[in-house]
C-alpha atoms as a PDB file:
ATOM      1  CA  MET A   1      31.837  33.517 -35.262  1.00  0.00           C
ATOM      2  CA  SER A   2      34.856  31.516 -33.882  1.00  0.00           C
ATOM      3  CA  LEU A   3      34.408  27.735 -34.617  1.00  0.00           C
ATOM      4  CA  SER A   4      35.042  27.367 -30.753  1.00  0.00           C
ATOM      5  CA  GLU A   5      31.732  29.331 -30.083  1.00  0.00           C
ATOM      6  CA  THR A   6      29.494  26.833 -32.190  1.00  0.00           C
ATOM      7  CA  GLU A   7      26.844  25.313 -30.321  1.00  0.00           C
ATOM      8  CA  THR A   8      27.342  22.056 -28.619  1.00  0.00           C
ATOM      9  CA  ASN A   9      25.132  19.262 -27.457  1.00  0.00           C
ATOM     10  CA  ILE A  10      25.280  19.519 -23.576  1.00  0.00           C
ATOM     11  CA  ASP A  11      24.200  15.731 -23.146  1.00  0.00           C
ATOM     12  CA  GLU A  12      27.633  14.737 -24.862  1.00  0.00           C
ATOM     13  CA  PRO A  13      30.587  14.093 -22.894  1.00  0.00           C
ATOM     14  CA  GLN A  14      33.355  16.089 -23.579  1.00  0.00           C
ATOM     15  CA  ALA A  15      35.959  14.126 -22.331  1.00  0.00           C
ATOM     16  CA  LEU A  16      36.541  10.042 -22.738  1.00  0.00           C
ATOM     17  CA  GLU A  17      34.112   7.929 -20.954  1.00  0.00           C
ATOM     18  CA  SER A  18      35.334   5.600 -18.519  1.00  0.00           C
ATOM     19  CA  SER A  19      37.516   2.250 -19.787  1.00  0.00           C
ATOM     20  CA  ASP A  20      35.098  -0.224 -17.955  1.00  0.00           C
ATOM     21  CA  GLY A  21      37.837  -2.246 -16.970  1.00  0.00           C
ATOM     22  CA  GLU A  22      39.158  -2.514 -20.266  1.00  0.00           C
ATOM     23  CA  GLY A  23      42.716  -2.119 -18.905  1.00  0.00           C
ATOM     24  CA  GLU A  24      45.752  -0.354 -20.698  1.00  0.00           C
ATOM     25  CA  LEU A  25      45.227   1.788 -23.847  1.00  0.00           C
ATOM     26  CA  GLU A  26      45.812  -0.661 -26.756  1.00  0.00           C
ATOM     27  CA  THR A  27      49.010   0.039 -29.022  1.00  0.00           C
ATOM     28  CA  LEU A  28      50.274  -1.394 -32.536  1.00  0.00           C
ATOM     29  CA  PRO A  29      52.696  -4.368 -32.586  1.00  0.00           C
ATOM     30  CA  THR A  30      56.213  -3.157 -33.034  1.00  0.00           C
ATOM     31  CA  ASN A  31      56.553  -4.644 -36.123  1.00  0.00           C
ATOM     32  CA  VAL A  32      53.781  -2.461 -37.500  1.00  0.00           C
ATOM     33  CA  GLY A  33      54.893   1.165 -39.124  1.00  0.00           C
ATOM     34  CA  ARG A  34      58.515   0.196 -37.578  1.00  0.00           C
ATOM     35  CA  ASP A  35      60.345   2.668 -39.539  1.00  0.00           C
ATOM     36  CA  LEU A  36      57.713   5.577 -38.016  1.00  0.00           C
ATOM     37  CA  LYS A  37      59.569   6.719 -34.885  1.00  0.00           C
ATOM     38  CA  GLY A  38      57.525   9.726 -34.191  1.00  0.00           C
ATOM     39  CA  ARG A  39      54.315  10.125 -32.018  1.00  0.00           C
ATOM     40  CA  GLU A  40      51.966   7.199 -31.841  1.00  0.00           C
ATOM     41  CA  LEU A  41      48.270   8.467 -30.861  1.00  0.00           C
ATOM     42  CA  THR A  42      45.403   6.537 -29.852  1.00  0.00           C
ATOM     43  CA  PHE A  43      41.915   7.439 -31.174  1.00  0.00           C
ATOM     44  CA  LYS A  44      39.117   6.267 -28.745  1.00  0.00           C
ATOM     45  CA  HIS A  45      35.258   6.571 -28.921  1.00  0.00           C
ATOM     46  CA  ALA A  46      34.212   9.719 -27.150  1.00  0.00           C
ATOM     47  CA  THR A  47      30.407   8.506 -26.506  1.00  0.00           C
ATOM     48  CA  LYS A  48      28.337   5.441 -26.963  1.00  0.00           C
ATOM     49  CA  PHE A  49      27.348   6.411 -30.415  1.00  0.00           C
ATOM     50  CA  ARG A  50      30.901   5.808 -31.470  1.00  0.00           C
ATOM     51  CA  VAL A  51      31.394   8.821 -33.786  1.00  0.00           C
ATOM     52  CA  GLU A  52      33.172  11.705 -32.121  1.00  0.00           C
ATOM     53  CA  VAL A  53      36.741  10.829 -30.811  1.00  0.00           C
ATOM     54  CA  CYS A  54      39.086  11.290 -28.209  1.00  0.00           C
ATOM     55  CA  ILE A  55      42.816  11.341 -29.479  1.00  0.00           C
ATOM     56  CA  LEU A  56      45.430  10.495 -27.030  1.00  0.00           C
ATOM     57  CA  GLU A  57      49.232  10.051 -26.327  1.00  0.00           C
ATOM     58  CA  GLY A  58      49.649   7.571 -23.661  1.00  0.00           C
ATOM     59  CA  GLN A  59      47.331   8.619 -20.925  1.00  0.00           C
ATOM     60  CA  SER A  60      46.898  12.413 -22.170  1.00  0.00           C
ATOM     61  CA  GLN A  61      44.262  13.614 -24.127  1.00  0.00           C
ATOM     62  CA  LEU A  62      45.549  15.801 -26.991  1.00  0.00           C
ATOM     63  CA  TYR A  63      42.640  16.535 -29.055  1.00  0.00           C
ATOM     64  CA  PHE A  64      38.956  15.988 -29.370  1.00  0.00           C
ATOM     65  CA  ALA A  65      37.515  15.460 -32.954  1.00  0.00           C
ATOM     66  CA  GLN A  66      33.785  16.970 -33.007  1.00  0.00           C
ATOM     67  CA  ILE A  67      31.764  15.657 -36.061  1.00  0.00           C
ATOM     68  CA  CYS A  68      28.879  17.429 -37.054  1.00  0.00           C
ATOM     69  CA  SER A  69      26.635  16.172 -39.888  1.00  0.00           C
ATOM     70  CA  LEU A  70      23.925  19.027 -39.942  1.00  0.00           C
ATOM     71  CA  GLY A  71      23.185  22.624 -40.496  1.00  0.00           C
ATOM     72  CA  LYS A  72      26.386  24.961 -41.629  1.00  0.00           C
ATOM     73  CA  LYS A  73      29.134  24.117 -38.978  1.00  0.00           C
ATOM     74  CA  PRO A  74      32.343  22.274 -40.314  1.00  0.00           C
ATOM     75  CA  ASP A  75      32.114  18.447 -40.644  1.00  0.00           C
ATOM     76  CA  VAL A  76      34.781  18.000 -38.246  1.00  0.00           C
ATOM     77  CA  ILE A  77      36.269  20.183 -35.872  1.00  0.00           C
ATOM     78  CA  LEU A  78      39.607  19.657 -34.071  1.00  0.00           C
ATOM     79  CA  HIS A  79      40.008  20.801 -30.342  1.00  0.00           C
ATOM     80  CA  SER A  80      43.125  21.083 -28.625  1.00  0.00           C
ATOM     81  CA  GLY A  81      42.465  18.792 -25.378  1.00  0.00           C
ATOM     82  CA  LEU A  82      38.679  18.577 -24.459  1.00  0.00           C
ATOM     83  CA  LYS A  83      35.562  19.413 -26.623  1.00  0.00           C
ATOM     84  CA  ASP A  84      35.642  23.156 -25.306  1.00  0.00           C
ATOM     85  CA  GLY A  85      39.297  23.658 -25.913  1.00  0.00           C
ATOM     86  CA  PRO A  86      40.648  26.006 -28.356  1.00  0.00           C
ATOM     87  CA  VAL A  87      39.840  25.254 -32.082  1.00  0.00           C
ATOM     88  CA  LEU A  88      42.906  23.628 -33.991  1.00  0.00           C
ATOM     89  CA  ALA A  89      41.522  22.561 -37.208  1.00  0.00           C
ATOM     90  CA  ALA A  90      38.055  21.954 -39.459  1.00  0.00           C
ATOM     91  CA  ALA A  91      37.348  20.112 -42.357  1.00  0.00           C
ATOM     92  CA  HIS A  92      34.342  20.206 -44.809  1.00  0.00           C
ATOM     93  CA  TYR A  93      33.169  17.304 -47.121  1.00  0.00           C
ATOM     94  CA  ARG A  94      29.430  17.045 -46.861  1.00  0.00           C
ATOM     95  CA  TRP A  95      28.426  18.294 -50.336  1.00  0.00           C
ATOM     96  CA  GLY A  96      31.435  17.238 -52.556  1.00  0.00           C
ATOM     97  CA  ARG A  97      33.757  14.466 -53.195  1.00  0.00           C
ATOM     98  CA  ASP A  98      36.919  16.003 -51.787  1.00  0.00           C
ATOM     99  CA  VAL A  99      37.986  17.144 -48.139  1.00  0.00           C
ATOM    100  CA  ILE A 100      38.779  20.921 -47.396  1.00  0.00           C
ATOM    101  CA  VAL A 101      40.967  20.974 -44.217  1.00  0.00           C
ATOM    102  CA  GLY A 102      41.689  24.181 -42.635  1.00  0.00           C
ATOM    103  CA  LEU A 103      44.226  24.933 -40.199  1.00  0.00           C
ATOM    104  CA  GLY A 104      43.608  27.849 -37.438  1.00  0.00           C
ATOM    105  CA  GLN A 105      41.158  28.872 -34.998  1.00  0.00           C
ATOM    106  CA  ASP A 106      38.165  29.985 -37.004  1.00  0.00           C
ATOM    107  CA  GLU A 107      37.041  29.510 -40.611  1.00  0.00           C
ATOM    108  CA  LEU A 108      37.888  33.363 -41.525  1.00  0.00           C
ATOM    109  CA  SER A 109      41.755  33.084 -40.771  1.00  0.00           C
ATOM    110  CA  MET A 110      42.198  29.364 -41.639  1.00  0.00           C
ATOM    111  CA  THR A 111      44.724  28.303 -43.911  1.00  0.00           C
ATOM    112  CA  TRP A 112      42.833  25.675 -46.319  1.00  0.00           C
ATOM    113  CA  TYR A 113      44.320  22.457 -48.174  1.00  0.00           C
ATOM    114  CA  ALA A 114      42.281  20.543 -50.438  1.00  0.00           C
ATOM    115  CA  PHE A 115      42.552  16.748 -50.289  1.00  0.00           C
ATOM    116  CA  LYS A 116      41.459  15.819 -53.898  1.00  0.00           C
ATOM    117  CA  ARG A 117      40.503  12.781 -54.938  1.00  0.00           C
ATOM    118  CA  CYS A 118      43.307  10.753 -57.057  1.00  0.00           C
ATOM    119  CA  HIS A 119      40.228   9.116 -59.087  1.00  0.00           C
ATOM    120  CA  PRO A 120      37.229  11.560 -59.859  1.00  0.00           C
ATOM    121  CA  PHE A 121      34.872   8.691 -59.058  1.00  0.00           C
ATOM    122  CA  ILE A 122      36.486   6.147 -57.158  1.00  0.00           C
ATOM    123  CA  GLU A 123      37.052   7.046 -53.552  1.00  0.00           C
ATOM    124  CA  LYS A 124      39.076   4.003 -52.374  1.00  0.00           C
ATOM    125  CA  ARG A 125      41.847   5.278 -54.679  1.00  0.00           C
ATOM    126  CA  GLY A 126      42.553   7.669 -52.297  1.00  0.00           C
ATOM    127  CA  PHE A 127      43.160  11.598 -51.892  1.00  0.00           C
ATOM    128  CA  THR A 128      46.145  13.947 -52.752  1.00  0.00           C
ATOM    129  CA  PHE A 129      47.085  17.084 -50.695  1.00  0.00           C
ATOM    130  CA  GLU A 130      50.003  19.674 -51.061  1.00  0.00           C
ATOM    131  CA  TRP A 131      51.794  21.220 -48.016  1.00  0.00           C
ATOM    132  CA  GLN A 132      54.700  23.557 -48.385  1.00  0.00           C
ATOM    133  CA  GLY A 133      55.321  22.738 -52.059  1.00  0.00           C
ATOM    134  CA  SER A 134      55.179  18.782 -51.710  1.00  0.00           C
ATOM    135  CA  ASN A 135      52.523  16.351 -52.609  1.00  0.00           C
ATOM    136  CA  TYR A 136      51.200  13.922 -50.474  1.00  0.00           C
ATOM    137  CA  LEU A 137      49.037  11.064 -50.663  1.00  0.00           C
ATOM    138  CA  LEU A 138      46.412   9.627 -48.234  1.00  0.00           C
ATOM    139  CA  GLN A 139      45.681   6.269 -49.424  1.00  0.00           C
ATOM    140  CA  ARG A 140      44.023   2.661 -47.885  1.00  0.00           C
ATOM    141  CA  ALA A 141      47.099   0.790 -46.402  1.00  0.00           C
ATOM    142  CA  THR A 142      47.621  -2.501 -47.322  1.00  0.00           C
ATOM    143  CA  SER A 143      47.825  -5.811 -45.487  1.00  0.00           C
ATOM    144  CA  SER A 144      51.797  -5.305 -45.374  1.00  0.00           C
ATOM    145  CA  ASP A 145      51.384  -2.237 -44.071  1.00  0.00           C
ATOM    146  CA  HIS A 146      49.201  -2.709 -41.235  1.00  0.00           C
ATOM    147  CA  LYS A 147      49.719  -6.674 -40.587  1.00  0.00           C
ATOM    148  CA  ALA A 148      46.219  -6.912 -39.178  1.00  0.00           C
ATOM    149  CA  THR A 149      44.726 -10.108 -38.003  1.00  0.00           C
ATOM    150  CA  GLY A 150      41.521 -11.757 -37.647  1.00  0.00           C
ATOM    151  CA  ALA A 151      38.551  -9.406 -38.398  1.00  0.00           C
ATOM    152  CA  GLY A 152      40.833  -6.282 -38.394  1.00  0.00           C
ATOM    153  CA  ARG A 153      41.958  -7.614 -42.073  1.00  0.00           C
ATOM    154  CA  PHE A 154      39.055  -6.966 -43.592  1.00  0.00           C
ATOM    155  CA  LEU A 155      38.416  -3.468 -42.540  1.00  0.00           C
ATOM    156  CA  LEU A 156      38.277  -0.777 -45.124  1.00  0.00           C
ATOM    157  CA  THR A 157      39.554   1.886 -42.573  1.00  0.00           C
ATOM    158  CA  HIS A 158      43.441   1.099 -42.547  1.00  0.00           C
ATOM    159  CA  PHE A 159      45.003   4.320 -43.858  1.00  0.00           C
ATOM    160  CA  LYS A 160      48.485   5.690 -44.769  1.00  0.00           C
ATOM    161  CA  VAL A 161      49.981   8.954 -45.853  1.00  0.00           C
ATOM    162  CA  VAL A 162      52.957   8.668 -48.124  1.00  0.00           C
ATOM    163  CA  GLU A 163      55.266  11.454 -49.743  1.00  0.00           C
ATOM    164  CA  GLU A 164      54.501  11.221 -53.365  1.00  0.00           C
ATOM    165  CA  ALA A 165      57.960  12.307 -54.654  1.00  0.00           C
ATOM    166  CA  THR A 166      59.841   9.866 -52.519  1.00  0.00           C
ATOM    167  CA  GLY A 167      57.398   7.128 -51.735  1.00  0.00           C
ATOM    168  CA  GLU A 168      58.411   7.654 -47.885  1.00  0.00           C
ATOM    169  CA  LEU A 169      55.543   6.663 -45.288  1.00  0.00           C
ATOM    170  CA  VAL A 170      54.943   9.334 -43.128  1.00  0.00           C
ATOM    171  CA  ALA A 171      51.999   8.275 -41.246  1.00  0.00           C
ATOM    172  CA  LEU A 172      49.879   5.104 -40.750  1.00  0.00           C
ATOM    173  CA  TYR A 173      46.455   4.775 -39.288  1.00  0.00           C
ATOM    174  CA  VAL A 174      45.430   1.190 -38.176  1.00  0.00           C
ATOM    175  CA  SER A 175      41.638   0.659 -37.180  1.00  0.00           C
ATOM    176  CA  GLN A 176      40.487  -1.768 -34.540  1.00  0.00           C
ATOM    177  CA  PRO A 177      37.356  -4.008 -35.021  1.00  0.00           C
ATOM    178  CA  THR A 178      36.185  -4.034 -31.599  1.00  0.00           C
ATOM    179  CA  GLY A 179      36.672  -2.443 -27.998  1.00  0.00           C
ATOM    180  CA  LYS A 180      36.709   1.417 -27.244  1.00  0.00           C
ATOM    181  CA  THR A 181      40.053   1.808 -29.202  1.00  0.00           C
ATOM    182  CA  LYS A 182      39.113   2.930 -32.685  1.00  0.00           C
ATOM    183  CA  ALA A 183      42.276   3.169 -34.267  1.00  0.00           C
ATOM    184  CA  THR A 184      46.159   3.976 -33.529  1.00  0.00           C
ATOM    185  CA  LEU A 185      48.046   6.420 -35.730  1.00  0.00           C
ATOM    186  CA  LYS A 186      51.823   6.188 -36.161  1.00  0.00           C
ATOM    187  CA  MET A 187      53.945   9.122 -37.369  1.00  0.00           C
ATOM    188  CA  LYS A 188      57.481   9.533 -38.446  1.00  0.00           C
ATOM    189  CA  ALA A 189      59.814  11.365 -36.213  1.00  0.00           C
ATOM    190  CA  GLY A 190      60.390  15.385 -36.321  1.00  0.00           C
ATOM    191  CA  MET A 191      57.237  15.792 -38.067  1.00  0.00           C
ATOM    192  CA  ASN A 192      56.069  19.296 -38.522  1.00  0.00           C
ATOM    193  CA  GLU A 193      53.141  20.001 -36.588  1.00  0.00           C
ATOM    194  CA  GLU A 194      50.905  21.220 -39.423  1.00  0.00           C
ATOM    195  CA  LEU A 195      51.837  18.416 -41.330  1.00  0.00           C
ATOM    196  CA  GLN A 196      50.426  16.171 -38.293  1.00  0.00           C
ATOM    197  CA  LEU A 197      47.314  18.031 -37.834  1.00  0.00           C
ATOM    198  CA  LEU A 198      46.388  17.636 -41.673  1.00  0.00           C
ATOM    199  CA  CYS A 199      47.024  13.771 -41.355  1.00  0.00           C
ATOM    200  CA  ILE A 200      44.985  13.431 -38.163  1.00  0.00           C
ATOM    201  CA  VAL A 201      42.031  15.476 -39.833  1.00  0.00           C
ATOM    202  CA  GLY A 202      42.603  13.595 -43.061  1.00  0.00           C
ATOM    203  CA  VAL A 203      42.163  10.254 -41.506  1.00  0.00           C
ATOM    204  CA  VAL A 204      39.258  11.590 -39.354  1.00  0.00           C
ATOM    205  CA  SER A 205      37.422  12.959 -42.291  1.00  0.00           C
ATOM    206  CA  TRP A 206      37.794   9.757 -44.514  1.00  0.00           C
ATOM    207  CA  ARG A 207      36.702   7.505 -42.039  1.00  0.00           C
ATOM    208  CA  ASP A 208      33.535   9.480 -41.291  1.00  0.00           C
ATOM    209  CA  LYS A 209      32.860   9.693 -45.013  1.00  0.00           C
ATOM    210  CA  ILE A 210      33.093   6.064 -45.053  1.00  0.00           C
ATOM    211  CA  ARG A 211      30.708   6.006 -42.066  1.00  0.00           C
ATOM    212  CA  ARG A 212      28.097   8.099 -43.547  1.00  0.00           C
ATOM    213  CA  ARG A 213      27.472   6.027 -46.711  1.00  0.00           C
END
């Protein structure tokens, strides 16, 4: 069965709720991830339960991250556009320490990538994954990376993706402590679309793993 045909809750909205007068989308200060000249995506809470995520570039919704914690469906299903849009990727982590991410339209034809824990027992050390012969690290971002102030300094959900061999920062995910904006993700210029999707699903999955504790 195609993942796009999996059951959904008809009570859940498939697009972003109204902003309730919150104004423009929040963006990161220019000094955060300043070497990342590529896409900047905003992650917004899709429902009042603050679990599923709408992912926007500017005012355009590009993706919907559907979160599933029960049954046999993947833990994350990433759709293009709205919740009923085509499936682009999925992730499994409900029963294991690692995160297994698939790119494609359904589980039978997906290409799978293993995000393996850097330490077998300490998740906060992050994950490592391989893409096209290069190894990447998905790690917690430090204060020098995210430059968060106030309550944001103490969040455990600031992440970064680094190419292991060169130490190059390729993506930075900075969480917001309040409001409808969940986080902002900045990526390096010229980044391959597959690697972008791996970064997006990777940060959504790790954040949800932390939420489920």
